[in-house]
C-alpha atoms as a PDB file:
ATOM      1  CA  MET A   1       0.000   0.000   0.000  1.00  0.00           C
ATOM      2  CA  PRO A   2       1.667   3.276  -1.049  1.00  0.00           C
ATOM      3  CA  ILE A   3       2.438   5.502   1.926  1.00  0.00           C
ATOM      4  CA  GLN A   4       1.834   8.531  -0.291  1.00  0.00           C
ATOM      5  CA  GLU A   5      -1.894   7.788  -0.411  1.00  0.00           C
ATOM      6  CA  ASN A   6      -4.233  10.163   1.377  1.00  0.00           C
ATOM      7  CA  PHE A   7      -3.782   9.391   5.080  1.00  0.00           C
ATOM      8  CA  ALA A   8      -7.499   9.614   5.857  1.00  0.00           C
ATOM      9  CA  ASP A   9      -8.278   7.172   3.031  1.00  0.00           C
ATOM     10  CA  VAL A  10      -5.734   4.735   4.413  1.00  0.00           C
ATOM     11  CA  LEU A  11      -7.169   4.944   7.912  1.00  0.00           C
ATOM     12  CA  ASN A  12     -10.670   4.388   6.573  1.00  0.00           C
ATOM     13  CA  ARG A  13      -9.514   1.294   4.733  1.00  0.00           C
ATOM     14  CA  LEU A  14      -7.946   0.007   7.949  1.00  0.00           C
ATOM     15  CA  GLY A  15     -11.180   0.519   9.840  1.00  0.00           C
ATOM     16  CA  ALA A  16     -10.035   3.487  11.923  1.00  0.00           C
ATOM     17  CA  PRO A  17     -12.546   6.345  12.185  1.00  0.00           C
ATOM     18  CA  VAL A  18     -11.401   9.761  11.013  1.00  0.00           C
ATOM     19  CA  ALA A  19     -12.939  13.185  11.439  1.00  0.00           C
ATOM     20  CA  SER A  20     -16.093  13.521   9.387  1.00  0.00           C
ATOM     21  CA  GLY A  21     -17.372  16.579   7.613  1.00  0.00           C
ATOM     22  CA  ASN A  22     -20.709  15.818   9.260  1.00  0.00           C
ATOM     23  CA  GLN A  23     -19.336  16.441  12.746  1.00  0.00           C
ATOM     24  CA  SER A  24     -20.862  19.246  14.750  1.00  0.00           C
ATOM     25  CA  ALA A  25     -18.887  22.458  15.190  1.00  0.00           C
ATOM     26  CA  SER A  26     -18.291  21.526  18.818  1.00  0.00           C
ATOM     27  CA  ALA A  27     -16.995  18.038  17.931  1.00  0.00           C
ATOM     28  CA  ARG A  28     -14.683  19.354  15.214  1.00  0.00           C
ATOM     29  CA  THR A  29     -13.291  21.971  17.559  1.00  0.00           C
ATOM     30  CA  LEU A  30     -12.883  19.438  20.352  1.00  0.00           C
ATOM     31  CA  ASP A  31     -10.968  17.042  18.096  1.00  0.00           C
ATOM     32  CA  SER A  32      -8.713  19.807  16.803  1.00  0.00           C
ATOM     33  CA  LEU A  33      -7.931  21.333  20.193  1.00  0.00           C
ATOM     34  CA  ARG A  34      -7.350  17.920  21.763  1.00  0.00           C
ATOM     35  CA  ARG A  35      -4.900  17.036  19.008  1.00  0.00           C
ATOM     36  CA  ARG A  36      -3.083  20.371  19.346  1.00  0.00           C
ATOM     37  CA  ILE A  37      -2.777  19.969  23.115  1.00  0.00           C
ATOM     38  CA  ILE A  38      -1.604  16.356  22.913  1.00  0.00           C
ATOM     39  CA  SER A  39       0.907  17.180  20.169  1.00  0.00           C
ATOM     40  CA  LEU A  40       2.227  19.985  22.428  1.00  0.00           C
ATOM     41  CA  GLU A  41       1.523  22.590  19.761  1.00  0.00           C
ATOM     42  CA  LEU A  42      -0.392  24.123  22.684  1.00  0.00           C
ATOM     43  CA  PRO A  43       1.973  23.370  25.592  1.00  0.00           C
ATOM     44  CA  PRO A  44       1.080  23.401  29.291  1.00  0.00           C
ATOM     45  CA  GLU A  45       0.234  26.828  30.719  1.00  0.00           C
ATOM     46  CA  THR A  46      -0.888  28.165  27.319  1.00  0.00           C
ATOM     47  CA  VAL A  47      -3.710  30.682  27.761  1.00  0.00           C
ATOM     48  CA  LEU A  48      -6.615  29.896  25.416  1.00  0.00           C
ATOM     49  CA  SER A  49      -8.462  33.029  24.359  1.00  0.00           C
ATOM     50  CA  ARG A  50     -12.103  32.233  23.634  1.00  0.00           C
ATOM     51  CA  SER A  51     -12.480  35.170  21.277  1.00  0.00           C
ATOM     52  CA  GLU A  52      -9.379  34.176  19.297  1.00  0.00           C
ATOM     53  CA  LEU A  53     -10.434  30.517  19.150  1.00  0.00           C
ATOM     54  CA  ALA A  54     -13.928  31.467  18.007  1.00  0.00           C
ATOM     55  CA  ARG A  55     -12.419  33.495  15.153  1.00  0.00           C
ATOM     56  CA  GLU A  56      -9.911  30.797  14.259  1.00  0.00           C
ATOM     57  CA  TYR A  57     -12.506  28.015  14.121  1.00  0.00           C
ATOM     58  CA  LYS A  58     -15.253  30.279  12.738  1.00  0.00           C
ATOM     59  CA  ILE A  59     -17.738  29.191  15.407  1.00  0.00           C
ATOM     60  CA  SER A  60     -19.909  30.876  17.996  1.00  0.00           C
ATOM     61  CA  GLN A  61     -19.221  30.887  21.713  1.00  0.00           C
ATOM     62  CA  THR A  62     -21.716  28.069  22.455  1.00  0.00           C
ATOM     63  CA  PRO A  63     -19.981  25.194  20.579  1.00  0.00           C
ATOM     64  CA  LEU A  64     -16.609  26.533  21.712  1.00  0.00           C
ATOM     65  CA  ARG A  65     -17.763  26.474  25.335  1.00  0.00           C
ATOM     66  CA  ASP A  66     -18.998  22.894  24.902  1.00  0.00           C
ATOM     67  CA  ALA A  67     -15.645  21.803  23.459  1.00  0.00           C
ATOM     68  CA  LEU A  68     -13.668  23.467  26.258  1.00  0.00           C
ATOM     69  CA  GLN A  69     -15.886  21.921  28.924  1.00  0.00           C
ATOM     70  CA  LYS A  70     -15.201  18.464  27.484  1.00  0.00           C
ATOM     71  CA  LEU A  71     -11.482  19.169  27.454  1.00  0.00           C
ATOM     72  CA  GLU A  72     -11.770  20.226  31.093  1.00  0.00           C
ATOM     73  CA  ALA A  73     -13.508  16.918  31.885  1.00  0.00           C
ATOM     74  CA  GLU A  74     -10.575  15.136  30.220  1.00  0.00           C
ATOM     75  CA  GLY A  75      -8.146  17.090  32.402  1.00  0.00           C
ATOM     76  CA  LEU A  76      -6.509  18.931  29.509  1.00  0.00           C
ATOM     77  CA  VAL A  77      -7.624  22.475  30.385  1.00  0.00           C
ATOM     78  CA  ASP A  78      -8.567  24.388  33.503  1.00  0.00           C
ATOM     79  CA  ILE A  79     -11.406  26.880  33.098  1.00  0.00           C
ATOM     80  CA  TYR A  80     -11.458  29.876  35.427  1.00  0.00           C
ATOM     81  CA  PRO A  81     -14.894  31.531  34.992  1.00  0.00           C
ATOM     82  CA  GLN A  82     -14.779  35.181  34.000  1.00  0.00           C
ATOM     83  CA  SER A  83     -10.986  34.937  33.904  1.00  0.00           C
ATOM     84  CA  LYS A  84      -9.090  32.573  31.601  1.00  0.00           C
ATOM     85  CA  THR A  85      -8.704  29.034  30.267  1.00  0.00           C
ATOM     86  CA  LEU A  86      -5.314  27.364  30.640  1.00  0.00           C
ATOM     87  CA  VAL A  87      -3.827  24.197  29.179  1.00  0.00           C
ATOM     88  CA  THR A  88      -3.041  22.050  32.203  1.00  0.00           C
ATOM     89  CA  ARG A  89       0.351  20.752  33.201  1.00  0.00           C
ATOM     90  CA  ILE A  90       0.907  17.018  32.872  1.00  0.00           C
ATOM     91  CA  ASP A  91      -0.328  15.101  35.918  1.00  0.00           C
ATOM     92  CA  SER A  92       1.604  11.966  36.900  1.00  0.00           C
ATOM     93  CA  GLY A  93      -1.337  10.537  38.804  1.00  0.00           C
ATOM     94  CA  GLN A  94      -3.574  10.716  35.746  1.00  0.00           C
ATOM     95  CA  ILE A  95      -0.846   9.098  33.637  1.00  0.00           C
ATOM     96  CA  HIS A  96      -0.759   6.070  35.921  1.00  0.00           C
ATOM     97  CA  GLU A  97      -4.562   5.808  36.003  1.00  0.00           C
ATOM     98  CA  ALA A  98      -4.745   5.956  32.196  1.00  0.00           C
ATOM     99  CA  HIS A  99      -2.005   3.351  31.891  1.00  0.00           C
ATOM    100  CA  PHE A 100      -3.825   1.045  34.333  1.00  0.00           C
ATOM    101  CA  LEU A 101      -7.053   1.391  32.333  1.00  0.00           C
ATOM    102  CA  ARG A 102      -5.384   0.867  28.979  1.00  0.00           C
ATOM    103  CA  LEU A 103      -3.421  -2.140  30.209  1.00  0.00           C
ATOM    104  CA  ALA A 104      -6.515  -3.766  31.729  1.00  0.00           C
ATOM    105  CA  VAL A 105      -8.459  -3.341  28.475  1.00  0.00           C
ATOM    106  CA  GLU A 106      -5.724  -4.362  26.077  1.00  0.00           C
ATOM    107  CA  VAL A 107      -4.691  -7.441  28.034  1.00  0.00           C
ATOM    108  CA  GLU A 108      -8.228  -8.746  27.609  1.00  0.00           C
ATOM    109  CA  VAL A 109      -8.295  -7.640  23.962  1.00  0.00           C
ATOM    110  CA  VAL A 110      -5.208  -9.676  23.076  1.00  0.00           C
ATOM    111  CA  ARG A 111      -6.537 -12.660  25.053  1.00  0.00           C
ATOM    112  CA  ILE A 112      -9.630 -12.577  22.850  1.00  0.00           C
ATOM    113  CA  LEU A 113      -7.672 -12.065  19.635  1.00  0.00           C
ATOM    114  CA  ALA A 114      -5.261 -14.884  20.440  1.00  0.00           C
ATOM    115  CA  LYS A 115      -8.295 -17.149  20.084  1.00  0.00           C
ATOM    116  CA  THR A 116     -10.252 -15.362  17.359  1.00  0.00           C
ATOM    117  CA  ALA A 117      -7.918 -13.345  15.110  1.00  0.00           C
ATOM    118  CA  ASP A 118      -8.407 -14.306  11.447  1.00  0.00           C
ATOM    119  CA  ASP A 119      -6.150 -13.762   8.459  1.00  0.00           C
ATOM    120  CA  ALA A 120      -7.789 -10.422   7.648  1.00  0.00           C
ATOM    121  CA  THR A 121      -7.070  -9.085  11.139  1.00  0.00           C
ATOM    122  CA  ILE A 122      -3.440 -10.195  11.018  1.00  0.00           C
ATOM    123  CA  ALA A 123      -3.045  -8.659   7.559  1.00  0.00           C
ATOM    124  CA  ARG A 124      -4.539  -5.360   8.753  1.00  0.00           C
ATOM    125  CA  LEU A 125      -2.143  -5.179  11.699  1.00  0.00           C
ATOM    126  CA  ARG A 126       0.819  -6.019   9.467  1.00  0.00           C
ATOM    127  CA  THR A 127      -0.188  -3.263   7.034  1.00  0.00           C
ATOM    128  CA  ILE A 128      -0.157  -0.700   9.849  1.00  0.00           C
ATOM    129  CA  VAL A 129       3.314  -1.845  10.938  1.00  0.00           C
ATOM    130  CA  ALA A 130       4.549  -1.687   7.325  1.00  0.00           C
ATOM    131  CA  MET A 131       3.312   1.911   7.132  1.00  0.00           C
ATOM    132  CA  GLN A 132       5.153   2.722  10.358  1.00  0.00           C
ATOM    133  CA  GLU A 133       8.345   1.193   9.002  1.00  0.00           C
ATOM    134  CA  ALA A 134       8.063   3.345   5.890  1.00  0.00           C
ATOM    135  CA  LEU A 135       7.919   6.467   8.106  1.00  0.00           C
ATOM    136  CA  ALA A 136      10.509   5.371  10.666  1.00  0.00           C
ATOM    137  CA  GLU A 137      13.515   6.913   8.944  1.00  0.00           C
ATOM    138  CA  ASN A 138      11.925  10.331   8.458  1.00  0.00           C
ATOM    139  CA  PRO A 139      12.121  12.590  11.546  1.00  0.00           C
ATOM    140  CA  ASP A 140       9.480  14.892  10.047  1.00  0.00           C
ATOM    141  CA  GLU A 141       6.930  12.054  10.117  1.00  0.00           C
ATOM    142  CA  MET A 142       7.136  11.143  13.804  1.00  0.00           C
ATOM    143  CA  GLY A 143       3.686  12.581  14.458  1.00  0.00           C
ATOM    144  CA  ALA A 144       2.221  10.298  11.788  1.00  0.00           C
ATOM    145  CA  PHE A 145       4.289   7.399  13.127  1.00  0.00           C
ATOM    146  CA  GLN A 146       2.747   7.864  16.573  1.00  0.00           C
ATOM    147  CA  ASP A 147      -0.733   8.276  15.083  1.00  0.00           C
ATOM    148  CA  LEU A 148      -0.275   4.875  13.426  1.00  0.00           C
ATOM    149  CA  ASP A 149       0.761   3.420  16.770  1.00  0.00           C
ATOM    150  CA  GLU A 150      -2.648   4.461  18.091  1.00  0.00           C
ATOM    151  CA  VAL A 151      -4.339   3.049  14.978  1.00  0.00           C
ATOM    152  CA  PHE A 152      -2.649  -0.311  15.630  1.00  0.00           C
ATOM    153  CA  HIS A 153      -4.204  -0.550  19.092  1.00  0.00           C
ATOM    154  CA  GLN A 154      -7.530   0.784  17.852  1.00  0.00           C
ATOM    155  CA  ALA A 155      -7.591  -1.899  15.159  1.00  0.00           C
ATOM    156  CA  MET A 156      -7.079  -4.613  17.772  1.00  0.00           C
ATOM    157  CA  MET A 157      -9.968  -3.315  19.875  1.00  0.00           C
ATOM    158  CA  SER A 158     -12.224  -3.211  16.829  1.00  0.00           C
ATOM    159  CA  ALA A 159     -11.249  -6.760  15.847  1.00  0.00           C
ATOM    160  CA  ALA A 160     -12.080  -7.929  19.379  1.00  0.00           C
ATOM    161  CA  GLY A 161     -15.542  -6.355  19.156  1.00  0.00           C
ATOM    162  CA  GLN A 162     -14.675  -3.567  21.593  1.00  0.00           C
ATOM    163  CA  ALA A 163     -14.366  -0.577  19.268  1.00  0.00           C
ATOM    164  CA  GLY A 164     -16.273   1.710  21.637  1.00  0.00           C
ATOM    165  CA  LEU A 165     -13.654   1.330  24.338  1.00  0.00           C
ATOM    166  CA  HIS A 166     -11.132   3.234  22.263  1.00  0.00           C
ATOM    167  CA  GLY A 167     -13.061   6.469  22.766  1.00  0.00           C
ATOM    168  CA  LEU A 168     -13.219   5.867  26.516  1.00  0.00           C
ATOM    169  CA  ILE A 169      -9.486   5.264  26.709  1.00  0.00           C
ATOM    170  CA  ARG A 170      -8.730   8.299  24.535  1.00  0.00           C
ATOM    171  CA  ALA A 171     -10.809  10.528  26.807  1.00  0.00           C
ATOM    172  CA  GLN A 172      -8.799   9.343  29.816  1.00  0.00           C
ATOM    173  CA  SER A 173      -5.366   9.363  28.180  1.00  0.00           C
ATOM    174  CA  GLY A 174      -4.629  13.010  27.425  1.00  0.00           C
ATOM    175  CA  HIS A 175      -1.850  13.258  30.005  1.00  0.00           C
ATOM    176  CA  LEU A 176      -0.365   9.903  28.989  1.00  0.00           C
ATOM    177  CA  ASN A 177      -0.447  10.836  25.309  1.00  0.00           C
ATOM    178  CA  ARG A 178       1.282  14.146  25.990  1.00  0.00           C
ATOM    179  CA  VAL A 179       4.096  12.283  27.726  1.00  0.00           C
ATOM    180  CA  ARG A 180       4.340  10.005  24.717  1.00  0.00           C
ATOM    181  CA  ARG A 181       4.820  13.083  22.528  1.00  0.00           C
ATOM    182  CA  LEU A 182       7.471  14.439  24.909  1.00  0.00           C
ATOM    183  CA  ASP A 183       9.237  11.088  24.688  1.00  0.00           C
ATOM    184  CA  MET A 184       9.748  11.467  20.954  1.00  0.00           C
ATOM    185  CA  PRO A 185      11.083   8.263  19.428  1.00  0.00           C
ATOM    186  CA  ASP A 186      14.773   7.969  18.660  1.00  0.00           C
ATOM    187  CA  ASN A 187      16.020   5.134  16.481  1.00  0.00           C
ATOM    188  CA  GLN A 188      16.237   2.761  19.428  1.00  0.00           C
ATOM    189  CA  LYS A 189      12.726   3.487  20.659  1.00  0.00           C
ATOM    190  CA  ILE A 190      11.294   3.264  17.146  1.00  0.00           C
ATOM    191  CA  ARG A 191      12.828  -0.173  16.821  1.00  0.00           C
ATOM    192  CA  ARG A 192      11.340  -1.229  20.179  1.00  0.00           C
ATOM    193  CA  ILE A 193       7.879  -0.033  19.128  1.00  0.00           C
ATOM    194  CA  LEU A 194       8.044  -1.884  15.824  1.00  0.00           C
ATOM    195  CA  ASP A 195       9.455  -5.012  17.434  1.00  0.00           C
ATOM    196  CA  GLY A 196       6.712  -4.839  20.070  1.00  0.00           C
ATOM    197  CA  HIS A 197       4.005  -4.670  17.411  1.00  0.00           C
ATOM    198  CA  LYS A 198       5.553  -7.565  15.513  1.00  0.00           C
ATOM    199  CA  ARG A 199       5.787  -9.635  18.701  1.00  0.00           C
ATOM    200  CA  ILE A 200       2.104  -9.011  19.420  1.00  0.00           C
ATOM    201  CA  ILE A 201       1.130  -9.991  15.870  1.00  0.00           C
ATOM    202  CA  ALA A 202       3.233 -13.160  16.032  1.00  0.00           C
ATOM    203  CA  ALA A 203       1.569 -14.178  19.310  1.00  0.00           C
ATOM    204  CA  LEU A 204      -1.908 -13.574  17.894  1.00  0.00           C
ATOM    205  CA  GLU A 205      -1.104 -15.521  14.731  1.00  0.00           C
ATOM    206  CA  ALA A 206       0.262 -18.390  16.843  1.00  0.00           C
ATOM    207  CA  HIS A 207      -2.896 -18.308  19.011  1.00  0.00           C
ATOM    208  CA  ASP A 208      -0.713 -17.948  22.116  1.00  0.00           C
ATOM    209  CA  PRO A 209      -2.613 -15.864  24.720  1.00  0.00           C
ATOM    210  CA  ASP A 210       0.164 -15.962  27.340  1.00  0.00           C
ATOM    211  CA  GLU A 211       2.747 -14.607  24.906  1.00  0.00           C
ATOM    212  CA  ALA A 212       0.262 -12.021  23.623  1.00  0.00           C
ATOM    213  CA  VAL A 213      -0.348 -10.752  27.170  1.00  0.00           C
ATOM    214  CA  ALA A 214       3.388 -10.630  27.934  1.00  0.00           C
ATOM    215  CA  ALA A 215       4.003  -8.730  24.689  1.00  0.00           C
ATOM    216  CA  ILE A 216       1.287  -6.137  25.279  1.00  0.00           C
ATOM    217  CA  ARG A 217       2.385  -5.576  28.894  1.00  0.00           C
ATOM    218  CA  GLU A 218       5.951  -4.873  27.853  1.00  0.00           C
ATOM    219  CA  HIS A 219       4.889  -2.722  24.914  1.00  0.00           C
ATOM    220  CA  LEU A 220       2.557  -0.487  26.915  1.00  0.00           C
ATOM    221  CA  SER A 221       5.007   0.070  29.769  1.00  0.00           C
ATOM    222  CA  GLN A 222       7.852   1.714  27.858  1.00  0.00           C
ATOM    223  CA  THR A 223       6.878   5.388  28.227  1.00  0.00           C
ATOM    224  CA  VAL A 224       5.445   5.046  31.738  1.00  0.00           C
ATOM    225  CA  SER A 225       8.780   3.713  32.965  1.00  0.00           C
ATOM    226  CA  ARG A 226      10.414   6.990  31.818  1.00  0.00           C
ATOM    227  CA  ILE A 227       8.107   9.493  33.508  1.00  0.00           C
ATOM    228  CA  GLU A 228      10.629  10.666  36.105  1.00  0.00           C
ATOM    229  CA  ILE A 229      13.334  11.056  33.461  1.00  0.00           C
ATOM    230  CA  LEU A 230      10.988  13.170  31.361  1.00  0.00           C
ATOM    231  CA  ARG A 231       9.912  15.190  34.401  1.00  0.00           C
ATOM    232  CA  ALA A 232      13.576  16.054  35.048  1.00  0.00           C
ATOM    233  CA  GLN A 233      14.061  17.056  31.403  1.00  0.00           C
ATOM    234  CA  TYR A 234      10.850  19.106  31.119  1.00  0.00           C
ATOM    235  CA  PRO A 235       9.936  20.281  34.645  1.00  0.00           C
ATOM    236  CA  GLU A 236       7.892  23.193  33.274  1.00  0.00           C
ATOM    237  CA  TYR A 237       5.497  20.726  31.603  1.00  0.00           C
ATOM    238  CA  PHE A 238       4.625  18.747  34.754  1.00  0.00           C
ATOM    239  CA  ARG A 239       2.605  19.522  37.844  1.00  0.00           C
ATOM    240  CA  PRO A 240       4.721  19.457  41.015  1.00  0.00           C
ATOM    241  CA  VAL A 241       4.642  16.007  42.605  1.00  0.00           C
ATOM    242  CA  ALA A 242       2.763  17.262  45.667  1.00  0.00           C
ATOM    243  CA  GLN A 243      -0.103  18.432  43.420  1.00  0.00           C
ATOM    244  CA  ALA A 244      -0.010  15.580  40.931  1.00  0.00           C
ATOM    245  CA  ASP A 245       0.150  12.693  43.369  1.00  0.00           C
END
């Protein structure tokens, strides 16, 4: 599959939902702001001006307010009524909660798939990994590489009949996903991610649930194990430990 194809078309073919033109103004704004916060385009402590955002997104205050309230529920912004809206600092406690949730879900997902995965599912997962490998040598494509990492896990949930859980996990994983963006892959980490995906696929194809569980546990724990290192490198991005924990 050519990597140069339209990315949205590729994701659709792989069964991953993409933003629809039929989304409401609030939903489109929510998706865009969430992505900008998680990508660190809008770093912690950024002041979000409602008037500027309304002009930028060409929407009224009502859908903008709805989008910001949902981001506040996800822990990505703090809203101070009649004052300002701030992008939150990264919270270590919320990272660990999101990791616990994701691990609990995906362990069960791979248990299911180790028994039920068919050739089409294995082929879909291999296609995603092939796309990642095609991007791995290009530093300018690391955002797309990490997006495909999320698509890989989303595809497994869909194949296990649990597609709806991806939205739940995404809503709880804003802090975790920001840390993943801080921990930008170097060549060694890229290789570990790709090897982890291949190990998971091999376990599913071999119908080996124990190996699948071991593979997903190791794969999902890489960034979490580096939180304190990242906190030391980027202290301005994290809440102080006394507040976070």
